[in-house]
């Protein structure tokens, strides 16, 4: 299976133990791991 940034983000988002916020648009993919719950 080939991993693209979007498929990686989707796979990480499906892991319940991780608190991840994903922002995706035409020019960027941002994956924020919010381990401490202090990120907006």
PDB file of N, CA and C in Angstrom:
ATOM      1  N   UNK A   1       0.842  -1.187   0.000  1.00  0.00           N
ATOM      2  CA  UNK A   1       0.000   0.000   0.000  1.00  0.00           C
ATOM      3  C   UNK A   1       0.879   1.240   0.000  1.00  0.00           C
ATOM      4  N   UNK A   2       0.601   2.139  -0.892  1.00  0.00           N
ATOM      5  CA  UNK A   2       1.338   3.397  -0.943  1.00  0.00           C
ATOM      6  C   UNK A   2       0.686   4.405   0.003  1.00  0.00           C
ATOM      7  N   UNK A   3       1.525   5.061   0.798  1.00  0.00           N
ATOM      8  CA  UNK A   3       1.015   6.065   1.727  1.00  0.00           C
ATOM      9  C   UNK A   3       1.152   7.443   1.110  1.00  0.00           C
ATOM     10  N   UNK A   4       0.076   8.160   1.072  1.00  0.00           N
ATOM     11  CA  UNK A   4       0.106   9.570   0.709  1.00  0.00           C
ATOM     12  C   UNK A   4      -0.099  10.348   2.005  1.00  0.00           C
ATOM     13  N   UNK A   5       0.213  11.622   2.033  1.00  0.00           N
ATOM     14  CA  UNK A   5      -0.022  12.385   3.263  1.00  0.00           C
ATOM     15  C   UNK A   5      -1.472  12.296   3.746  1.00  0.00           C
ATOM     16  N   UNK A   6      -2.413  12.309   2.822  1.00  0.00           N
ATOM     17  CA  UNK A   6      -3.827  12.261   3.217  1.00  0.00           C
ATOM     18  C   UNK A   6      -4.206  10.897   3.797  1.00  0.00           C
ATOM     19  N   UNK A   7      -3.728   9.804   3.208  1.00  0.00           N
ATOM     20  CA  UNK A   7      -4.067   8.488   3.759  1.00  0.00           C
ATOM     21  C   UNK A   7      -3.401   8.277   5.116  1.00  0.00           C
ATOM     22  N   UNK A   8      -2.206   8.826   5.292  1.00  0.00           N
ATOM     23  CA  UNK A   8      -1.542   8.755   6.588  1.00  0.00           C
ATOM     24  C   UNK A   8      -2.350   9.517   7.634  1.00  0.00           C
ATOM     25  N   UNK A   9      -2.798  10.708   7.298  1.00  0.00           N
ATOM     26  CA  UNK A   9      -3.601  11.504   8.227  1.00  0.00           C
ATOM     27  C   UNK A   9      -4.897  10.788   8.582  1.00  0.00           C
ATOM     28  N   UNK A  10      -5.550  10.186   7.599  1.00  0.00           N
ATOM     29  CA  UNK A  10      -6.789   9.452   7.861  1.00  0.00           C
ATOM     30  C   UNK A  10      -6.537   8.253   8.770  1.00  0.00           C
ATOM     31  N   UNK A  11      -5.447   7.538   8.532  1.00  0.00           N
ATOM     32  CA  UNK A  11      -5.124   6.379   9.362  1.00  0.00           C
ATOM     33  C   UNK A  11      -4.825   6.803  10.798  1.00  0.00           C
ATOM     34  N   UNK A  12      -4.066   7.872  10.969  1.00  0.00           N
ATOM     35  CA  UNK A  12      -3.763   8.360  12.313  1.00  0.00           C
ATOM     36  C   UNK A  12      -5.015   8.852  13.016  1.00  0.00           C
ATOM     37  N   UNK A  13      -5.927   9.453  12.271  1.00  0.00           N
ATOM     38  CA  UNK A  13      -7.154   9.988  12.847  1.00  0.00           C
ATOM     39  C   UNK A  13      -8.061   8.871  13.362  1.00  0.00           C
ATOM     40  N   UNK A  14      -7.899   7.656  12.857  1.00  0.00           N
ATOM     41  CA  UNK A  14      -8.722   6.524  13.284  1.00  0.00           C
ATOM     42  C   UNK A  14      -8.213   5.860  14.556  1.00  0.00           C
ATOM     43  N   UNK A  15      -7.073   6.291  15.074  1.00  0.00           N
ATOM     44  CA  UNK A  15      -6.537   5.732  16.314  1.00  0.00           C
ATOM     45  C   UNK A  15      -7.110   6.539  17.472  1.00  0.00           C
ATOM     46  N   UNK A  16      -7.954   5.897  18.267  1.00  0.00           N
ATOM     47  CA  UNK A  16      -8.701   6.603  19.312  1.00  0.00           C
ATOM     48  C   UNK A  16      -7.796   7.206  20.388  1.00  0.00           C
ATOM     49  N   UNK A  17      -6.643   6.594  20.659  1.00  0.00           N
ATOM     50  CA  UNK A  17      -5.776   7.080  21.731  1.00  0.00           C
ATOM     51  C   UNK A  17      -5.073   8.392  21.380  1.00  0.00           C
ATOM     52  N   UNK A  18      -4.995   8.699  20.092  1.00  0.00           N
ATOM     53  CA  UNK A  18      -4.317   9.919  19.663  1.00  0.00           C
ATOM     54  C   UNK A  18      -5.319  11.053  19.524  1.00  0.00           C
ATOM     55  N   UNK A  19      -4.955  12.208  20.034  1.00  0.00           N
ATOM     56  CA  UNK A  19      -5.793  13.396  19.876  1.00  0.00           C
ATOM     57  C   UNK A  19      -5.178  14.212  18.744  1.00  0.00           C
ATOM     58  N   UNK A  20      -5.707  14.041  17.541  1.00  0.00           N
ATOM     59  CA  UNK A  20      -5.114  14.641  16.352  1.00  0.00           C
ATOM     60  C   UNK A  20      -6.105  15.581  15.685  1.00  0.00           C
ATOM     61  N   UNK A  21      -5.618  16.752  15.299  1.00  0.00           N
ATOM     62  CA  UNK A  21      -6.409  17.708  14.533  1.00  0.00           C
ATOM     63  C   UNK A  21      -5.791  17.786  13.142  1.00  0.00           C
ATOM     64  N   UNK A  22      -6.608  17.601  12.116  1.00  0.00           N
ATOM     65  CA  UNK A  22      -6.116  17.601  10.746  1.00  0.00           C
ATOM     66  C   UNK A  22      -6.728  18.761   9.985  1.00  0.00           C
ATOM     67  N   UNK A  23      -5.864  19.553   9.359  1.00  0.00           N
ATOM     68  CA  UNK A  23      -6.304  20.638   8.493  1.00  0.00           C
ATOM     69  C   UNK A  23      -5.785  20.330   7.095  1.00  0.00           C
ATOM     70  N   UNK A  24      -6.684  20.305   6.128  1.00  0.00           N
ATOM     71  CA  UNK A  24      -6.298  19.937   4.769  1.00  0.00           C
ATOM     72  C   UNK A  24      -6.911  20.929   3.793  1.00  0.00           C
ATOM     73  N   UNK A  25      -6.074  21.461   2.897  1.00  0.00           N
ATOM     74  CA  UNK A  25      -6.588  22.284   1.809  1.00  0.00           C
ATOM     75  C   UNK A  25      -5.760  21.998   0.561  1.00  0.00           C
ATOM     76  N   UNK A  26      -5.918  22.795  -0.463  1.00  0.00           N
ATOM     77  CA  UNK A  26      -5.258  22.528  -1.743  1.00  0.00           C
ATOM     78  C   UNK A  26      -3.741  22.560  -1.663  1.00  0.00           C
ATOM     79  N   UNK A  27      -3.190  23.375  -0.767  1.00  0.00           N
ATOM     80  CA  UNK A  27      -1.743  23.558  -0.767  1.00  0.00           C
ATOM     81  C   UNK A  27      -1.025  22.987   0.448  1.00  0.00           C
ATOM     82  N   UNK A  28      -1.776  22.499   1.446  1.00  0.00           N
ATOM     83  CA  UNK A  28      -1.082  21.992   2.627  1.00  0.00           C
ATOM     84  C   UNK A  28      -1.912  20.952   3.366  1.00  0.00           C
ATOM     85  N   UNK A  29      -1.214  20.146   4.129  1.00  0.00           N
ATOM     86  CA  UNK A  29      -1.827  19.180   5.033  1.00  0.00           C
ATOM     87  C   UNK A  29      -1.119  19.346   6.364  1.00  0.00           C
ATOM     88  N   UNK A  30      -1.855  19.741   7.396  1.00  0.00           N
ATOM     89  CA  UNK A  30      -1.280  19.970   8.715  1.00  0.00           C
ATOM     90  C   UNK A  30      -1.870  18.951   9.676  1.00  0.00           C
ATOM     91  N   UNK A  31      -0.997  18.198  10.337  1.00  0.00           N
ATOM     92  CA  UNK A  31      -1.415  17.219  11.335  1.00  0.00           C
ATOM     93  C   UNK A  31      -0.865  17.695  12.674  1.00  0.00           C
ATOM     94  N   UNK A  32      -1.765  18.065  13.596  1.00  0.00           N
ATOM     95  CA  UNK A  32      -1.357  18.523  14.918  1.00  0.00           C
ATOM     96  C   UNK A  32      -1.677  17.434  15.928  1.00  0.00           C
ATOM     97  N   UNK A  33      -0.640  16.953  16.617  1.00  0.00           N
ATOM     98  CA  UNK A  33      -0.839  15.975  17.684  1.00  0.00           C
ATOM     99  C   UNK A  33      -0.963  16.744  18.992  1.00  0.00           C
ATOM    100  N   UNK A  34      -2.140  16.663  19.595  1.00  0.00           N
ATOM    101  CA  UNK A  34      -2.450  17.440  20.786  1.00  0.00           C
ATOM    102  C   UNK A  34      -2.446  16.528  22.014  1.00  0.00           C
ATOM    103  N   UNK A  35      -1.262  16.055  22.402  1.00  0.00           N
ATOM    104  CA  UNK A  35      -1.139  15.112  23.514  1.00  0.00           C
ATOM    105  C   UNK A  35      -1.593  15.693  24.849  1.00  0.00           C
ATOM    106  N   UNK A  36      -1.418  16.995  25.047  1.00  0.00           N
ATOM    107  CA  UNK A  36      -1.715  17.590  26.343  1.00  0.00           C
ATOM    108  C   UNK A  36      -3.043  18.336  26.372  1.00  0.00           C
ATOM    109  N   UNK A  37      -3.719  18.447  25.239  1.00  0.00           N
ATOM    110  CA  UNK A  37      -5.014  19.114  25.191  1.00  0.00           C
ATOM    111  C   UNK A  37      -4.936  20.621  25.284  1.00  0.00           C
ATOM    112  N   UNK A  38      -3.755  21.195  25.039  1.00  0.00           N
ATOM    113  CA  UNK A  38      -3.606  22.635  25.199  1.00  0.00           C
ATOM    114  C   UNK A  38      -3.543  23.401  23.875  1.00  0.00           C
ATOM    115  N   UNK A  39      -3.705  22.713  22.744  1.00  0.00           N
ATOM    116  CA  UNK A  39      -3.677  23.403  21.455  1.00  0.00           C
ATOM    117  C   UNK A  39      -5.087  23.794  21.038  1.00  0.00           C
ATOM    118  N   UNK A  40      -5.214  24.946  20.372  1.00  0.00           N
ATOM    119  CA  UNK A  40      -6.558  25.354  19.904  1.00  0.00           C
ATOM    120  C   UNK A  40      -7.040  24.491  18.758  1.00  0.00           C
TER     121      UNK A  40
END
